[in-house]
Amino acid sequence: MRVLVREAFRAYINMQPEDFHPGQKIKGDTAVRLLRSGAAVDPDDDAAHELAAQLRGDEDQDQEQKQGDGKQQPPGPPQLPAPGDGPEGGPAHPDPSDPPAPSLDAPVKDLLAWVGDDPSRAREVLDAEEAKDQPRTTLVKQLQKIADA
């Protein structure tokens, strides 16, 4: 997959700041990450165009749901709790040393870092991952080991 940088920006890639310049072509996982994040890039091949169209479709669905157009929308995959989703509206993780849950699309290493060796967190992420159309098999296997411990 390839994307073309539209305007100069800096992004963190693998926890390192990286500068991108107009006209620069980016390929592979970095291209996917930039496209998904909404960075100032344009699709440069068929796979990137398909992903961009899919992402626009997701945004359109979100807008329709927010506008409450009266249409019944099927429920999406379960989401991990966000900060503020704790009991009685309080923070889900009141201890500041306990980080909030990453998004379901986060890299495997980030999800496993959040789970640690907590079986309940592993089960929570495992259930959410298995609800996806294409669950990541390596992540599922690692989470099952932790959840079953």
Protein backbone atom coordinates (compact mmCIF):
# COMPACT_ATOMS: atom_id res chain seq x y z
CA MET A 1 0.00 0.00 0.00
CA ARG A 2 1.25 3.47 -0.87
CA VAL A 3 0.20 7.01 0.03
CA LEU A 4 1.44 10.40 -1.13
CA VAL A 5 2.07 13.15 1.44
CA ARG A 6 -0.13 16.18 0.71
CA GLU A 7 1.40 18.67 3.17
CA ALA A 8 4.30 18.72 5.62
CA PHE A 9 3.68 17.23 9.06
CA ARG A 10 5.40 15.32 11.85
CA ALA A 11 4.05 12.04 13.21
CA TYR A 12 5.26 9.51 15.72
CA ILE A 13 6.01 6.21 14.04
CA ASN A 14 7.13 3.38 16.32
CA MET A 15 7.46 5.89 19.15
CA GLN A 16 9.90 8.06 17.14
CA PRO A 17 9.08 11.47 15.61
CA GLU A 18 9.30 11.44 11.84
CA ASP A 19 8.96 14.39 9.45
CA PHE A 20 6.98 13.97 6.24
CA HIS A 21 7.28 16.32 3.27
CA PRO A 22 4.87 17.14 0.38
CA GLY A 23 5.27 14.74 -2.52
CA GLN A 24 6.93 12.05 -0.39
CA LYS A 25 5.67 8.52 -1.08
CA ILE A 26 5.14 6.27 1.94
CA LYS A 27 4.48 2.55 1.70
CA GLY A 28 3.62 -0.42 3.91
CA ASP A 29 2.43 -0.29 7.51
CA THR A 30 3.36 3.37 7.86
CA ALA A 31 1.12 4.23 4.90
CA VAL A 32 -1.77 2.31 6.47
CA ARG A 33 -1.26 4.00 9.84
CA LEU A 34 -1.12 7.49 8.30
CA LEU A 35 -4.21 6.88 6.18
CA ARG A 36 -6.19 5.48 9.13
CA SER A 37 -5.17 8.38 11.38
CA GLY A 38 -6.43 11.00 8.94
CA ALA A 39 -2.98 12.47 8.25
CA ALA A 40 -2.48 14.79 5.27
CA VAL A 41 -1.89 11.96 2.78
CA ASP A 42 -3.64 10.82 -0.40
CA PRO A 43 -4.01 7.21 -1.61
CA ASP A 44 -1.42 6.31 -4.27
CA ASP A 45 -2.48 2.78 -5.28
CA ASP A 46 -5.61 0.61 -5.49
CA ALA A 47 -5.23 -0.85 -1.99
CA ALA A 48 -4.90 2.62 -0.47
CA HIS A 49 -7.94 3.85 -2.44
CA GLU A 50 -9.98 0.90 -1.13
CA LEU A 51 -8.93 1.57 2.46
CA ALA A 52 -9.69 5.28 2.10
CA ALA A 53 -13.14 4.47 0.70
CA GLN A 54 -13.76 2.04 3.54
CA LEU A 55 -12.71 4.66 6.10
CA ARG A 56 -14.97 7.27 4.47
CA GLY A 57 -17.81 4.73 4.59
CA ASP A 58 -17.20 4.24 8.31
CA GLU A 59 -17.25 8.02 8.83
CA ASP A 60 -20.48 8.30 6.84
CA GLN A 61 -22.09 5.61 8.99
CA ASP A 62 -20.94 7.39 12.16
CA GLN A 63 -22.45 10.65 10.90
CA GLU A 64 -25.75 8.94 10.08
CA GLN A 65 -25.91 7.43 13.56
CA LYS A 66 -25.12 10.78 15.19
CA GLN A 67 -27.80 12.55 13.14
CA GLY A 68 -30.40 10.03 14.30
CA ASP A 69 -32.00 9.64 10.89
CA GLY A 70 -34.46 7.11 12.28
CA LYS A 71 -32.81 4.15 10.58
CA GLN A 72 -31.99 1.20 12.78
CA GLN A 73 -28.23 0.66 12.67
CA PRO A 74 -26.72 -2.72 13.53
CA PRO A 75 -24.53 -2.60 16.61
CA GLY A 76 -20.79 -2.38 16.00
CA PRO A 77 -18.15 -4.50 17.67
CA PRO A 78 -17.84 -4.10 21.43
CA GLN A 79 -15.54 -1.32 22.58
CA LEU A 80 -13.08 -1.39 25.43
CA PRO A 81 -14.06 0.99 28.23
CA ALA A 82 -12.87 4.53 27.82
CA PRO A 83 -11.75 6.81 30.63
CA GLY A 84 -14.86 8.01 32.45
CA ASP A 85 -16.72 4.74 31.88
CA GLY A 86 -16.26 3.60 35.45
CA PRO A 87 -19.04 3.04 37.98
CA GLU A 88 -21.27 6.07 38.58
CA GLY A 89 -19.55 8.01 35.77
CA GLY A 90 -16.24 8.16 37.61
CA PRO A 91 -12.94 7.36 35.96
CA ALA A 92 -12.59 3.78 34.85
CA HIS A 93 -9.02 3.77 36.13
CA PRO A 94 -8.71 6.16 39.07
CA ASP A 95 -5.07 5.22 39.64
CA PRO A 96 -2.99 7.47 37.34
CA SER A 97 -0.30 4.79 37.12
CA ASP A 98 -2.93 2.47 35.59
CA PRO A 99 -3.21 3.53 31.90
CA PRO A 100 -6.58 3.58 30.12
CA ALA A 101 -7.39 0.83 27.64
CA PRO A 102 -6.00 1.34 24.13
CA SER A 103 -8.31 1.24 21.11
CA LEU A 104 -9.16 -2.12 19.58
CA ASP A 105 -7.12 -1.22 16.49
CA ALA A 106 -4.00 -0.58 18.55
CA PRO A 107 -0.88 -2.58 17.75
CA VAL A 108 -0.68 -6.02 19.35
CA LYS A 109 2.23 -4.97 21.58
CA ASP A 110 0.19 -2.04 22.99
CA LEU A 111 -2.80 -4.25 23.74
CA LEU A 112 -0.62 -6.91 25.38
CA ALA A 113 1.19 -4.24 27.41
CA TRP A 114 -2.16 -3.00 28.74
CA VAL A 115 -3.38 -6.53 29.46
CA GLY A 116 -0.16 -7.59 31.21
CA ASP A 117 -0.98 -10.83 33.00
CA ASP A 118 -4.48 -9.82 34.10
CA PRO A 119 -6.92 -12.58 33.03
CA SER A 120 -9.97 -10.28 33.20
CA ARG A 121 -8.34 -7.71 30.91
CA ALA A 122 -7.22 -10.51 28.60
CA ARG A 123 -10.80 -11.84 28.43
CA GLU A 124 -12.14 -8.32 27.76
CA VAL A 125 -9.75 -7.71 24.85
CA LEU A 126 -10.16 -11.29 23.59
CA ASP A 127 -13.95 -10.96 23.43
CA ALA A 128 -13.64 -7.67 21.57
CA GLU A 129 -11.00 -9.02 19.15
CA GLU A 130 -13.03 -12.15 18.38
CA ALA A 131 -16.06 -9.98 17.59
CA LYS A 132 -14.15 -8.35 14.72
CA ASP A 133 -14.60 -9.48 11.11
CA GLN A 134 -10.92 -10.44 10.90
CA PRO A 135 -9.49 -11.10 14.36
CA ARG A 136 -5.70 -11.17 14.63
CA THR A 137 -4.91 -14.85 15.26
CA THR A 138 -1.58 -14.27 17.00
CA LEU A 139 -3.20 -11.80 19.39
CA VAL A 140 -6.10 -14.17 20.05
CA LYS A 141 -3.71 -17.04 20.90
CA GLN A 142 -1.68 -14.88 23.31
CA LEU A 143 -4.81 -13.50 24.98
CA GLN A 144 -6.27 -16.99 25.41
CA LYS A 145 -3.14 -18.10 27.25
CA ILE A 146 -3.41 -15.14 29.64
CA ALA A 147 -7.18 -15.44 30.10
CA ASP A 148 -6.94 -19.17 30.86
CA ALA A 149 -4.14 -18.72 33.41
